[in-house]
N, C-alpha and C. Protein backbone atom coordinates (compact mmCIF):
# COMPACT_ATOMS: atom_id res chain seq x y z
N MET A 1 2.76 8.17 5.30
CA MET A 1 3.15 7.88 6.67
C MET A 1 2.70 9.52 8.04
N PRO A 2 3.15 8.99 8.85
CA PRO A 2 2.33 9.86 10.04
C PRO A 2 2.43 11.50 9.98
N LEU A 3 2.07 12.02 10.57
CA LEU A 3 2.23 13.37 10.94
C LEU A 3 3.36 13.60 11.41
N ARG A 4 3.50 13.12 12.58
CA ARG A 4 5.43 12.90 13.16
C ARG A 4 5.67 12.49 12.18
N LEU A 5 6.40 11.65 12.24
CA LEU A 5 6.68 10.71 10.90
C LEU A 5 7.16 11.70 9.92
N GLN A 6 6.31 12.05 9.26
CA GLN A 6 6.52 13.21 8.12
C GLN A 6 7.46 14.12 8.02
N ARG A 7 8.55 13.63 9.08
CA ARG A 7 9.41 15.20 9.29
C ARG A 7 10.03 14.49 8.98
N ILE A 8 10.74 12.94 9.41
CA ILE A 8 11.37 12.87 8.55
C ILE A 8 12.41 12.61 8.07
N SER A 9 13.65 13.18 8.07
CA SER A 9 14.34 13.54 6.17
C SER A 9 15.43 12.28 6.11
N ILE A 10 15.03 11.52 5.15
CA ILE A 10 16.17 10.24 4.40
C ILE A 10 16.53 10.75 3.40
N TRP A 11 16.78 11.60 2.19
CA TRP A 11 16.79 12.16 1.35
C TRP A 11 18.27 11.87 1.05
N HIS A 12 18.67 11.96 2.30
CA HIS A 12 20.43 11.41 2.03
C HIS A 12 21.19 10.33 2.73
N TYR A 13 20.20 9.12 2.87
CA TYR A 13 20.40 7.72 2.85
C TYR A 13 19.91 6.62 0.66
N VAL A 14 19.02 8.51 0.06
CA VAL A 14 19.03 7.41 -1.15
C VAL A 14 19.76 8.76 -2.10
N ASN A 15 20.13 9.55 -2.17
CA ASN A 15 19.66 10.27 -3.03
C ASN A 15 22.13 10.14 -3.37
N LEU A 16 21.66 11.05 -5.01
CA LEU A 16 23.08 9.98 -5.06
C LEU A 16 23.60 11.95 -5.60
N LYS A 17 25.10 11.66 -5.14
CA LYS A 17 25.85 12.93 -4.77
C LYS A 17 25.40 14.28 -7.00
N GLY A 18 24.81 15.67 -6.08
CA GLY A 18 25.06 16.61 -7.89
C GLY A 18 23.39 15.45 -8.11
N GLU A 19 22.48 15.00 -7.46
CA GLU A 19 21.08 15.11 -8.07
C GLU A 19 20.27 15.98 -8.24
N THR A 20 19.60 17.00 -8.82
CA THR A 20 18.47 17.75 -8.59
C THR A 20 17.51 17.16 -7.59
N ILE A 21 16.14 18.51 -7.86
CA ILE A 21 16.36 17.55 -6.43
C ILE A 21 15.10 16.91 -7.11
N LYS A 22 14.24 17.22 -8.63
CA LYS A 22 13.41 16.60 -9.78
C LYS A 22 13.53 15.13 -9.41
N SER A 23 14.94 15.08 -9.78
CA SER A 23 15.28 13.74 -9.93
C SER A 23 15.52 12.60 -8.77
N SER A 24 15.66 13.38 -7.50
CA SER A 24 15.95 12.80 -5.88
C SER A 24 14.41 12.86 -6.07
N LYS A 25 13.20 13.59 -7.01
CA LYS A 25 11.70 13.57 -6.25
C LYS A 25 11.64 11.94 -6.45
N LYS A 26 11.61 11.91 -8.20
CA LYS A 26 11.59 10.95 -8.44
C LYS A 26 12.02 9.05 -8.64
N ARG A 27 12.73 9.35 -7.89
CA ARG A 27 13.94 8.47 -7.42
C ARG A 27 13.33 7.75 -6.36
N HIS A 28 12.99 8.75 -5.68
CA HIS A 28 11.78 8.49 -3.93
C HIS A 28 10.60 7.78 -4.83
N SER A 29 9.80 8.26 -5.89
CA SER A 29 8.46 7.62 -5.19
C SER A 29 8.87 6.24 -6.07
N ILE A 30 9.37 5.78 -7.04
CA ILE A 30 10.26 5.02 -7.89
C ILE A 30 10.75 3.89 -6.31
N LEU A 31 11.58 4.01 -4.93
CA LEU A 31 11.71 3.15 -4.42
C LEU A 31 10.00 3.01 -3.81
N SER A 32 9.40 4.48 -3.40
CA SER A 32 8.28 4.30 -2.84
C SER A 32 7.41 3.64 -3.65
N CYS A 33 7.09 2.70 -4.58
CA CYS A 33 6.38 1.79 -5.11
C CYS A 33 7.15 0.74 -5.07
N SER A 34 7.99 0.69 -5.42
CA SER A 34 8.90 -1.03 -5.36
C SER A 34 8.18 -0.89 -3.47
N LEU A 35 8.66 -0.21 -3.23
CA LEU A 35 8.95 -1.21 -1.33
C LEU A 35 7.36 -1.81 -1.90
N LYS A 36 5.80 -1.56 -2.14
CA LYS A 36 5.33 -2.07 -1.72
C LYS A 36 4.58 -3.23 -3.25
N LEU A 37 4.83 -3.07 -4.30
CA LEU A 37 4.85 -4.10 -5.03
C LEU A 37 5.83 -5.26 -3.98
N PHE A 38 7.21 -4.40 -4.31
CA PHE A 38 7.98 -5.63 -3.17
C PHE A 38 7.78 -6.79 -1.98
N ALA A 39 6.96 -5.96 -0.90
CA ALA A 39 5.93 -6.85 -0.05
C ALA A 39 5.33 -7.14 -0.40
N LYS A 40 3.97 -6.81 -1.70
CA LYS A 40 3.01 -7.96 -1.69
C LYS A 40 3.45 -8.55 -2.98
N LYS A 41 4.32 -8.69 -3.39
CA LYS A 41 4.55 -10.05 -4.29
C LYS A 41 5.70 -11.19 -4.78
N GLY A 42 7.04 -9.89 -3.52
CA GLY A 42 8.11 -10.74 -3.30
C GLY A 42 9.22 -10.21 -4.92
N PHE A 43 10.47 -10.75 -4.52
CA PHE A 43 11.33 -10.04 -5.70
C PHE A 43 10.83 -10.51 -6.88
N TYR A 44 11.37 -11.96 -6.89
CA TYR A 44 11.23 -12.96 -8.07
C TYR A 44 9.58 -12.46 -9.28
N HIS A 45 8.37 -12.48 -8.37
CA HIS A 45 7.05 -12.00 -9.38
C HIS A 45 6.92 -10.24 -9.44
N THR A 46 8.14 -9.31 -8.79
CA THR A 46 7.75 -7.94 -9.21
C THR A 46 9.08 -7.67 -10.27
N THR A 47 8.20 -7.10 -11.00
CA THR A 47 8.68 -7.31 -12.38
C THR A 47 9.38 -5.20 -12.88
N ILE A 48 9.98 -4.46 -13.34
CA ILE A 48 10.24 -3.56 -14.27
C ILE A 48 9.42 -2.93 -14.61
N PRO A 49 8.08 -4.00 -15.19
CA PRO A 49 7.01 -3.54 -16.77
C PRO A 49 6.81 -2.95 -15.73
N LEU A 50 6.19 -4.16 -14.68
CA LEU A 50 5.13 -4.45 -13.72
C LEU A 50 5.26 -2.85 -12.76
N LEU A 51 5.79 -2.30 -12.53
CA LEU A 51 6.29 -1.04 -12.12
C LEU A 51 6.38 0.00 -11.88
N ALA A 52 7.12 -0.12 -13.72
CA ALA A 52 6.61 1.06 -14.54
C ALA A 52 4.82 1.61 -14.55
N LYS A 53 4.18 0.07 -14.76
CA LYS A 53 2.80 0.49 -15.32
C LYS A 53 2.35 1.25 -13.40
N GLU A 54 3.22 0.95 -13.13
CA GLU A 54 1.96 1.19 -11.15
C GLU A 54 2.61 3.06 -11.41
N LEU A 55 3.60 3.15 -11.67
CA LEU A 55 4.58 4.75 -11.58
C LEU A 55 3.50 5.37 -13.22
N LYS A 56 3.13 4.91 -14.26
CA LYS A 56 3.07 5.44 -15.30
C LYS A 56 3.97 5.61 -16.06
N MET A 57 5.67 5.52 -15.83
CA MET A 57 6.37 5.39 -16.12
C MET A 57 7.43 4.64 -17.03
N SER A 58 8.47 5.09 -18.74
CA SER A 58 8.41 4.54 -19.89
C SER A 58 9.25 3.85 -18.86
N VAL A 59 9.59 1.76 -19.00
CA VAL A 59 10.33 1.18 -18.48
C VAL A 59 11.53 2.14 -18.17
N GLY A 60 12.78 2.07 -19.98
CA GLY A 60 14.34 3.09 -19.95
C GLY A 60 13.85 4.05 -18.58
N ASN A 61 12.74 4.33 -18.47
CA ASN A 61 13.02 5.81 -17.41
C ASN A 61 13.01 5.41 -16.37
N ILE A 62 13.06 3.61 -15.98
CA ILE A 62 13.49 3.44 -14.66
C ILE A 62 14.77 3.07 -14.86
N TYR A 63 15.15 2.52 -15.76
CA TYR A 63 16.47 1.87 -15.78
C TYR A 63 17.64 3.53 -16.09
N ASN A 64 17.09 4.09 -16.08
CA ASN A 64 18.27 5.59 -16.27
C ASN A 64 18.76 6.18 -14.31
N TYR A 65 17.57 5.92 -13.93
CA TYR A 65 17.86 5.79 -12.16
C TYR A 65 17.92 4.31 -11.48
N PHE A 66 17.97 2.81 -12.07
CA PHE A 66 18.82 1.82 -12.04
C PHE A 66 18.33 0.96 -12.78
N PRO A 67 19.50 0.76 -12.57
CA PRO A 67 20.23 -0.35 -14.06
C PRO A 67 19.77 -1.48 -14.29
N SER A 68 18.74 -2.17 -12.67
CA SER A 68 19.53 -3.86 -12.34
C SER A 68 17.94 -3.77 -11.57
N LYS A 69 17.24 -5.20 -12.00
CA LYS A 69 16.07 -5.12 -10.89
C LYS A 69 17.42 -5.19 -8.74
N ILE A 70 18.39 -5.82 -9.18
CA ILE A 70 19.54 -6.78 -8.33
C ILE A 70 19.61 -5.01 -7.54
N ASN A 71 20.23 -3.66 -8.60
CA ASN A 71 20.24 -2.46 -7.36
C ASN A 71 19.08 -1.97 -7.13
N LEU A 72 18.23 -1.41 -7.21
CA LEU A 72 16.76 -1.24 -6.88
C LEU A 72 16.18 -2.24 -5.97
N ALA A 73 16.29 -3.00 -6.20
CA ALA A 73 16.36 -3.87 -4.39
C ALA A 73 17.20 -3.26 -3.66
N LYS A 74 18.47 -2.85 -3.57
CA LYS A 74 19.27 -2.83 -2.88
C LYS A 74 19.07 -1.51 -2.60
N SER A 75 18.94 -0.24 -3.56
CA SER A 75 18.75 0.52 -3.17
C SER A 75 17.47 0.99 -1.87
N ALA A 76 16.35 0.56 -2.00
CA ALA A 76 15.35 0.72 -1.41
C ALA A 76 15.54 -0.64 0.02
N ILE A 77 17.11 -1.63 0.09
CA ILE A 77 16.51 -2.03 1.63
C ILE A 77 17.67 -0.12 1.85
N ARG A 78 18.26 0.33 1.72
CA ARG A 78 19.29 1.42 1.99
C ARG A 78 17.43 2.40 2.13
N PHE A 79 16.51 3.08 1.59
CA PHE A 79 15.29 2.64 1.81
C PHE A 79 14.93 3.33 2.58
N ALA A 80 14.34 1.62 3.04
CA ALA A 80 13.40 1.50 3.86
C ALA A 80 14.52 1.67 5.31
N SER A 81 15.25 0.93 5.57
CA SER A 81 16.66 0.78 6.44
C SER A 81 17.15 2.48 7.40
N GLY A 82 16.80 3.51 6.50
CA GLY A 82 16.45 4.78 6.18
C GLY A 82 15.53 5.56 6.80
N ILE A 83 14.47 5.74 6.19
CA ILE A 83 13.76 5.48 7.73
C ILE A 83 13.21 4.97 8.91
N LEU A 84 14.28 4.16 9.02
CA LEU A 84 14.28 3.87 10.84
C LEU A 84 15.29 4.35 11.02
N ALA A 85 16.52 4.42 10.47
CA ALA A 85 17.03 5.52 10.80
C ALA A 85 17.29 6.98 11.56
N SER A 86 16.25 7.44 10.09
CA SER A 86 16.24 8.87 10.55
C SER A 86 15.42 9.07 11.96
N SER A 87 14.38 7.98 12.33
CA SER A 87 13.11 8.19 13.15
C SER A 87 14.75 7.65 14.36
N LEU A 88 15.29 6.73 14.19
CA LEU A 88 16.17 6.61 15.39
C LEU A 88 17.23 7.66 15.97
N HIS A 89 17.81 8.51 14.31
CA HIS A 89 18.61 9.11 14.47
C HIS A 89 17.92 10.82 15.88
N GLN A 90 17.22 11.00 15.29
CA GLN A 90 15.96 12.56 16.00
C GLN A 90 15.41 11.88 16.99
N ILE A 91 15.49 10.33 17.29
CA ILE A 91 15.70 10.47 18.88
C ILE A 91 17.41 10.13 19.61
N ASN A 92 17.20 9.44 18.76
CA ASN A 92 19.06 9.88 20.12
C ASN A 92 19.84 10.78 20.31
N GLN A 93 19.33 12.04 19.75
CA GLN A 93 19.04 13.63 20.24
C GLN A 93 18.22 13.82 21.08
N LYS A 94 17.38 13.04 21.65
CA LYS A 94 17.12 13.50 22.88
C LYS A 94 17.66 13.84 24.02
N ASP A 95 17.77 14.21 24.07
CA ASP A 95 18.76 14.44 25.62
C ASP A 95 17.14 14.16 27.49
N ILE A 96 17.06 12.81 26.44
CA ILE A 96 16.27 11.85 27.43
C ILE A 96 17.03 10.90 27.55
N SER A 97 15.91 10.50 29.21
CA SER A 97 16.88 8.38 28.77
C SER A 97 17.16 7.64 27.84
N ALA A 98 17.72 5.91 27.93
CA ALA A 98 17.81 5.72 26.96
C ALA A 98 16.13 4.76 27.01
N LYS A 99 15.73 4.09 28.28
CA LYS A 99 14.33 4.50 27.99
C LYS A 99 13.38 5.09 27.34
N GLU A 100 13.63 6.07 27.84
CA GLU A 100 12.33 6.89 27.36
C GLU A 100 12.16 7.37 25.55
N LYS A 101 14.10 6.69 24.78
CA LYS A 101 14.57 6.80 23.85
C LYS A 101 13.95 5.46 23.52
N ILE A 102 14.26 4.77 23.21
CA ILE A 102 13.21 2.75 23.22
C ILE A 102 11.70 3.11 23.27
N GLU A 103 11.05 3.69 24.13
CA GLU A 103 9.68 3.91 23.68
C GLU A 103 9.43 5.36 22.92
N LEU A 104 10.14 5.62 22.49
CA LEU A 104 10.26 6.78 21.60
C LEU A 104 9.19 5.90 20.14
N PHE A 105 11.02 4.71 19.74
CA PHE A 105 11.08 4.43 19.35
C PHE A 105 10.22 2.52 18.95
N VAL A 106 10.12 2.37 19.64
CA VAL A 106 8.75 1.21 19.81
C VAL A 106 7.80 2.57 19.01
N GLU A 107 7.47 3.52 19.38
CA GLU A 107 5.91 4.39 18.98
C GLU A 107 6.10 4.52 17.43
N ASP A 108 7.45 4.33 16.64
CA ASP A 108 7.78 4.59 15.52
C ASP A 108 7.57 3.87 15.06
N TYR A 109 7.85 2.52 15.10
CA TYR A 109 8.14 1.70 14.66
C TYR A 109 6.61 0.78 14.64
N LEU A 110 5.56 0.37 15.16
CA LEU A 110 4.48 0.34 15.32
C LEU A 110 3.03 1.13 14.69
N GLU A 111 3.79 2.63 14.09
CA GLU A 111 2.71 4.00 13.26
C GLU A 111 3.29 3.46 12.31
N ILE A 112 4.65 2.94 11.79
CA ILE A 112 4.93 2.12 10.06
C ILE A 112 4.62 1.41 10.10
N ILE A 113 4.84 0.31 10.62
CA ILE A 113 3.40 -0.96 11.26
C ILE A 113 2.72 -0.95 9.96
N GLN A 114 1.56 0.27 11.22
CA GLN A 114 0.62 0.54 10.44
C GLN A 114 -0.10 1.08 9.39
N VAL A 115 0.49 2.71 8.66
CA VAL A 115 0.53 2.87 7.84
C VAL A 115 1.64 2.45 6.24
N SER A 116 3.16 2.33 6.73
CA SER A 116 3.54 1.56 5.41
C SER A 116 3.60 0.59 6.11
N PRO A 117 3.14 -0.46 5.52
CA PRO A 117 3.60 -1.98 6.45
C PRO A 117 4.35 -2.67 5.73
N GLU A 118 4.70 -2.20 4.57
CA GLU A 118 5.77 -2.61 2.99
C GLU A 118 7.20 -1.69 3.48
N VAL A 119 7.25 -1.11 3.99
CA VAL A 119 8.69 -0.73 4.70
C VAL A 119 9.10 -1.49 5.39
N ILE A 120 8.64 -2.27 6.10
CA ILE A 120 8.76 -3.80 7.22
C ILE A 120 8.84 -4.71 6.24
N GLU A 121 7.05 -5.18 5.86
CA GLU A 121 7.65 -5.67 5.43
C GLU A 121 8.05 -6.49 4.13
N PHE A 122 9.06 -6.18 3.79
CA PHE A 122 10.08 -5.32 2.33
C PHE A 122 11.45 -6.31 3.19
N PHE A 123 11.26 -6.44 4.25
CA PHE A 123 12.55 -7.30 4.78
C PHE A 123 12.34 -8.75 4.82
N LEU A 124 10.72 -9.08 5.13
CA LEU A 124 10.82 -10.11 5.52
C LEU A 124 10.43 -11.22 4.25
N ARG A 125 10.35 -10.38 3.73
CA ARG A 125 9.30 -11.28 2.55
C ARG A 125 10.23 -11.03 1.24
N VAL A 126 11.05 -9.39 0.96
CA VAL A 126 12.43 -9.97 -0.43
C VAL A 126 13.83 -10.05 0.65
N TYR A 127 13.84 -8.93 1.23
CA TYR A 127 15.89 -10.05 2.17
C TYR A 127 15.94 -11.15 2.73
N LEU A 128 14.89 -12.18 3.85
CA LEU A 128 15.40 -12.07 4.45
C LEU A 128 15.46 -13.85 3.50
N ALA A 129 13.78 -13.94 2.74
CA ALA A 129 13.25 -14.64 1.78
C ALA A 129 14.21 -15.41 0.42
N ASN A 130 15.75 -13.73 0.48
CA ASN A 130 16.26 -13.65 -0.71
C ASN A 130 17.70 -13.39 0.48
N ARG A 131 18.35 -13.70 0.58
CA ARG A 131 19.92 -13.92 1.42
C ARG A 131 20.92 -13.72 0.40
N ASP A 132 20.60 -14.38 -0.67
CA ASP A 132 22.10 -14.96 -1.23
C ASP A 132 22.13 -14.13 -3.11
N LEU A 133 20.68 -12.93 -2.85
CA LEU A 133 21.33 -12.54 -3.83
C LEU A 133 21.92 -10.92 -3.28
N PHE A 134 21.33 -10.31 -1.93
CA PHE A 134 22.42 -9.93 -1.25
C PHE A 134 24.12 -9.83 -1.06
N GLU A 135 24.33 -11.12 -1.25
CA GLU A 135 25.47 -10.83 -0.24
C GLU A 135 26.66 -11.18 -1.66
N GLU A 136 25.91 -11.27 -3.08
CA GLU A 136 26.63 -11.77 -4.00
C GLU A 136 28.68 -11.19 -4.32
N ASP A 137 27.95 -9.78 -3.39
CA ASP A 137 29.16 -8.88 -3.07
C ASP A 137 29.77 -7.66 -1.54
N GLU A 138 30.44 -7.18 -1.72
CA GLU A 138 30.60 -7.09 -0.47
C GLU A 138 29.03 -5.96 0.17
N ASN A 139 28.45 -5.65 -0.44
CA ASN A 139 27.20 -5.08 0.28
C ASN A 139 26.28 -5.83 0.91
N GLY A 140 26.53 -6.34 0.92
CA GLY A 140 25.42 -7.65 1.74
C GLY A 140 24.67 -6.41 2.65
N GLY A 141 23.60 -7.99 2.91
CA GLY A 141 22.35 -6.41 3.93
C GLY A 141 22.37 -6.05 4.87
N PHE A 142 23.82 -6.12 5.57
CA PHE A 142 23.90 -5.48 7.11
C PHE A 142 24.45 -4.28 6.60
N GLN A 143 25.77 -4.47 5.42
CA GLN A 143 25.93 -3.62 4.99
C GLN A 143 24.95 -2.23 5.00
N LEU A 144 24.18 -2.63 3.13
CA LEU A 144 23.20 -1.56 2.93
C LEU A 144 22.52 -0.67 4.62
N ALA A 145 22.52 -1.70 5.31
CA ALA A 145 21.36 -0.80 6.41
C ALA A 145 22.06 -0.64 7.35
N GLU A 146 23.27 -0.41 6.78
CA GLU A 146 24.57 0.25 7.45
C GLU A 146 24.72 2.25 8.17
N ALA A 147 22.80 2.81 8.44
CA ALA A 147 22.59 3.69 8.78
C ALA A 147 22.23 3.60 10.18
N PHE A 148 21.24 2.35 9.39
CA PHE A 148 20.25 2.18 11.08
C PHE A 148 21.38 1.51 12.37
N VAL A 149 21.28 0.69 11.59
CA VAL A 149 22.92 -0.42 12.68
C VAL A 149 23.62 0.52 13.35
N ASN A 150 24.04 1.74 12.43
CA ASN A 150 25.37 2.91 13.54
C ASN A 150 23.88 3.26 15.34
N GLU A 151 22.50 3.57 13.98
CA GLU A 151 21.86 3.80 15.35
C GLU A 151 21.71 3.44 16.12
N VAL A 152 21.58 1.89 15.59
CA VAL A 152 21.12 1.66 17.17
C VAL A 152 22.39 0.96 17.70
N GLU A 153 23.17 1.29 17.40
CA GLU A 153 24.70 0.80 18.28
C GLU A 153 24.74 2.21 18.88
N ALA A 154 24.90 3.11 18.60
CA ALA A 154 24.88 4.82 19.02
C ALA A 154 23.27 5.07 20.49
N LEU A 155 22.56 4.52 20.52
CA LEU A 155 21.56 4.03 21.26
C LEU A 155 21.90 3.33 22.64
N ILE A 156 21.84 1.90 22.00
CA ILE A 156 22.97 0.84 23.20
C ILE A 156 24.58 0.99 23.74
N GLN A 157 25.07 2.32 23.45
CA GLN A 157 26.66 2.65 24.20
C GLN A 157 26.17 3.53 24.71
N TYR A 158 24.52 4.60 24.78
CA TYR A 158 24.82 5.42 25.48
C TYR A 158 23.56 5.12 26.71
N GLY A 159 22.76 4.10 26.57
CA GLY A 159 22.36 3.17 28.37
C GLY A 159 23.25 2.85 28.66
N MET A 160 24.44 2.24 28.29
CA MET A 160 25.23 1.78 28.82
C MET A 160 26.16 2.86 29.58
N LYS A 161 26.17 4.03 28.82
CA LYS A 161 27.67 5.05 29.70
C LYS A 161 26.50 5.32 30.88
N GLN A 162 25.25 5.91 30.45
CA GLN A 162 24.41 5.65 31.71
C GLN A 162 23.39 4.24 32.66
N TYR A 163 24.62 4.18 32.12
CA TYR A 163 23.89 2.74 33.06
C TYR A 163 23.23 1.89 32.44
N GLU A 164 22.80 2.40 32.35
CA GLU A 164 20.61 2.18 32.69
C GLU A 164 20.55 0.89 31.44
N PHE A 165 21.75 0.61 30.95
CA PHE A 165 21.93 -1.43 30.32
C PHE A 165 23.06 -1.82 31.00
N ARG A 166 23.12 -2.74 30.84
CA ARG A 166 24.12 -4.15 30.60
C ARG A 166 25.38 -3.53 30.70
N GLN A 167 26.80 -3.34 31.08
CA GLN A 167 27.82 -3.16 30.80
C GLN A 167 28.56 -3.96 29.82
N ASN A 168 29.04 -3.90 29.24
CA ASN A 168 30.29 -4.33 27.94
C ASN A 168 29.45 -5.29 27.72
N GLN A 169 28.08 -5.14 26.52
CA GLN A 169 27.43 -5.58 25.92
C GLN A 169 27.91 -5.86 24.23
N ASP A 170 28.04 -8.01 24.74
CA ASP A 170 28.02 -7.56 22.88
C ASP A 170 26.77 -7.61 21.95
N PHE A 171 26.87 -6.42 21.19
CA PHE A 171 25.49 -5.45 20.10
C PHE A 171 25.27 -6.57 19.90
N PHE A 172 26.18 -7.14 18.54
CA PHE A 172 25.09 -8.68 17.96
C PHE A 172 23.59 -8.83 18.90
N VAL A 173 24.24 -8.54 20.02
CA VAL A 173 23.22 -9.23 20.58
C VAL A 173 22.04 -8.59 21.36
N SER A 174 22.35 -7.63 21.62
CA SER A 174 22.21 -5.80 22.12
C SER A 174 21.38 -6.26 20.88
N PHE A 175 21.66 -5.87 19.14
CA PHE A 175 21.13 -5.12 18.44
C PHE A 175 19.60 -6.53 18.45
N SER A 176 19.96 -7.55 18.13
CA SER A 176 18.90 -8.93 18.52
C SER A 176 17.62 -8.64 19.58
N VAL A 177 17.92 -8.32 20.44
CA VAL A 177 16.87 -7.94 21.25
C VAL A 177 16.29 -6.87 21.07
N LEU A 178 16.25 -5.75 20.62
CA LEU A 178 16.03 -4.85 19.98
C LEU A 178 15.28 -5.30 18.90
N THR A 179 15.74 -5.36 17.77
CA THR A 179 15.14 -6.45 16.09
C THR A 179 14.11 -7.55 16.29
N GLY A 180 14.70 -8.51 17.07
CA GLY A 180 14.18 -9.40 17.96
C GLY A 180 12.76 -9.64 18.26
N ILE A 181 12.64 -8.90 19.34
CA ILE A 181 11.41 -8.30 19.71
C ILE A 181 10.38 -7.33 18.80
N LEU A 182 10.86 -7.05 17.60
CA LEU A 182 10.33 -5.40 17.12
C LEU A 182 9.94 -6.74 15.98
N GLY A 183 10.45 -7.14 15.13
CA GLY A 183 10.53 -7.78 14.38
C GLY A 183 9.38 -9.71 14.03
N ALA A 184 9.58 -10.20 15.44
CA ALA A 184 8.22 -10.64 15.08
C ALA A 184 7.31 -9.99 16.08
N PHE A 185 7.08 -9.35 16.02
CA PHE A 185 5.63 -8.30 16.18
C PHE A 185 4.86 -7.87 14.45
N THR A 186 5.96 -7.43 14.58
CA THR A 186 5.55 -7.25 12.98
C THR A 186 5.05 -8.91 12.05
N PHE A 187 5.67 -9.97 12.22
CA PHE A 187 5.32 -11.10 11.71
C PHE A 187 4.07 -10.96 12.36
N LEU A 188 3.44 -11.47 13.43
CA LEU A 188 2.47 -10.96 14.13
C LEU A 188 1.35 -10.10 13.37
N SER A 189 1.76 -8.90 13.41
CA SER A 189 1.11 -8.36 13.02
C SER A 189 0.46 -8.65 11.84
N GLY A 190 1.07 -9.32 10.80
CA GLY A 190 0.51 -9.84 9.19
C GLY A 190 -0.37 -10.88 9.60
N GLU A 191 0.39 -11.53 10.65
CA GLU A 191 -0.51 -12.72 9.84
C GLU A 191 -2.27 -12.26 10.84
N ASN A 192 -2.45 -11.28 11.97
CA ASN A 192 -3.13 -11.06 11.91
C ASN A 192 -3.95 -11.97 13.57
N VAL A 193 -2.54 -12.14 14.52
CA VAL A 193 -2.77 -12.67 15.40
C VAL A 193 -3.26 -12.45 16.59
N LEU A 194 -2.36 -10.52 16.11
CA LEU A 194 -2.68 -10.41 18.40
C LEU A 194 -3.88 -10.20 18.03
N GLU A 195 -4.53 -9.87 19.39
CA GLU A 195 -5.66 -9.92 20.03
C GLU A 195 -6.22 -8.66 20.04
N ARG A 196 -5.21 -7.50 20.16
CA ARG A 196 -5.52 -5.68 19.93
C ARG A 196 -5.03 -5.29 18.84
N ASP A 197 -5.47 -4.72 18.88
CA ASP A 197 -4.22 -3.56 17.03
C ASP A 197 -2.66 -2.81 18.24
N ILE A 198 -2.61 -3.25 17.57
CA ILE A 198 -0.37 -3.50 17.96
C ILE A 198 -0.17 -2.81 18.29
N ALA A 199 -0.93 -0.68 17.78
CA ALA A 199 -0.39 0.22 18.75
C ALA A 199 -0.48 0.54 20.35
N SER A 200 -1.18 -1.03 20.51
CA SER A 200 -1.85 -0.78 21.90
C SER A 200 -0.34 -2.41 23.12
N TYR A 201 0.38 -2.48 22.21
CA TYR A 201 1.01 -3.19 22.75
C TYR A 201 2.68 -2.31 22.95
N LYS A 202 2.49 -0.94 22.56
CA LYS A 202 3.36 -0.52 22.99
C LYS A 202 4.31 -0.43 24.14
N ALA A 203 3.92 0.06 25.04
CA ALA A 203 4.28 -0.69 26.80
C ALA A 203 4.62 -2.13 26.46
N GLU A 204 4.31 -2.62 26.33
CA GLU A 204 4.80 -3.96 26.58
C GLU A 204 5.79 -4.22 26.06
N ILE A 205 5.84 -4.06 24.68
CA ILE A 205 7.48 -4.15 23.90
C ILE A 205 8.37 -3.23 24.70
N SER A 206 8.29 -2.36 24.51
CA SER A 206 9.50 -1.38 25.11
C SER A 206 9.91 -1.66 26.80
N SER A 207 8.48 -2.27 27.40
CA SER A 207 9.07 -3.01 28.03
C SER A 207 9.99 -4.09 28.34
N ALA A 208 9.94 -4.66 26.60
CA ALA A 208 10.12 -6.53 26.83
C ALA A 208 12.16 -6.14 26.30
N ILE A 209 11.87 -4.76 25.17
CA ILE A 209 13.46 -4.72 24.83
C ILE A 209 14.04 -4.22 26.22
N TYR A 210 13.62 -3.38 26.45
CA TYR A 210 15.27 -2.88 27.39
C TYR A 210 14.97 -3.85 28.82
N LYS A 211 14.15 -4.20 29.21
CA LYS A 211 14.07 -5.81 29.96
C LYS A 211 15.84 -5.87 29.18
N GLY A 212 15.05 -6.31 28.28
CA GLY A 212 16.45 -7.58 27.08
C GLY A 212 18.01 -6.53 27.71
N LEU A 213 17.82 -5.78 27.68
CA LEU A 213 19.27 -4.73 27.76
C LEU A 213 19.81 -4.63 28.39
N SER A 214 18.63 -4.81 30.24
CA SER A 214 19.02 -3.86 31.45
C SER A 214 19.36 -4.80 32.60
C-alpha cells in the first residue's frame, strides 16, 4: 500500500467487538490474502484449503474466523470497500473544495489500482460476476459496502451545500457518475489498453467526475 495510504485505518470495518489485537491482525491477513486469490481465480476456484496453503495456516484455523467461503467473501467486500471508505472519510474531513476532494480521492484510487489492484478487481471478478450469491439475504453487496456509500453521499451533499454540484440531484445517479468513471478506468487498466500510465489520467478523470456532478 502506498505510504500516503498506509495511514488509512480500516480496522473498524472488519474487526469484531471485543476481538484482541492479535486476532484482528490474523483476520486482516486472511482478508488480504483472500482478496488476492478471489481477484485472481474468481469465487468458485478459490477454496479455503488453497487460502490456508497460501497463509501457511490450517483450514480449521481459517474457519475459526470465517465459518464459510461466502462469509469470507462478504467480509472481503466490507474490507475492500472499507479501504475506499477510509480514504474518502479522511478527505471528507478536510476543509477544501469538493473539486479538490474529488482530485484527492481519484489520486488515492489510482494508487490502489497500481499497488493493490486486487482491492478493486475483487468487485469486478467476484461481486459483479456472482451477485446472486450476495443477495440471498438482506445483506446484499450495496449494504455490505455501506461505509463507502455513506462517504460518497457525504461528498455529494457537501458539493451541493457549497453550490459546486447541481442541486437536488438523484444520489444514485451521482453515485454512478463517480463509481462508473472509476470502474471503467479500472477495467481499461486491467485490460492493458491504456496508452499512458494510469496515474497520468488523474486530472482528466477528476475533471470528468466533477463535470458530471456540477
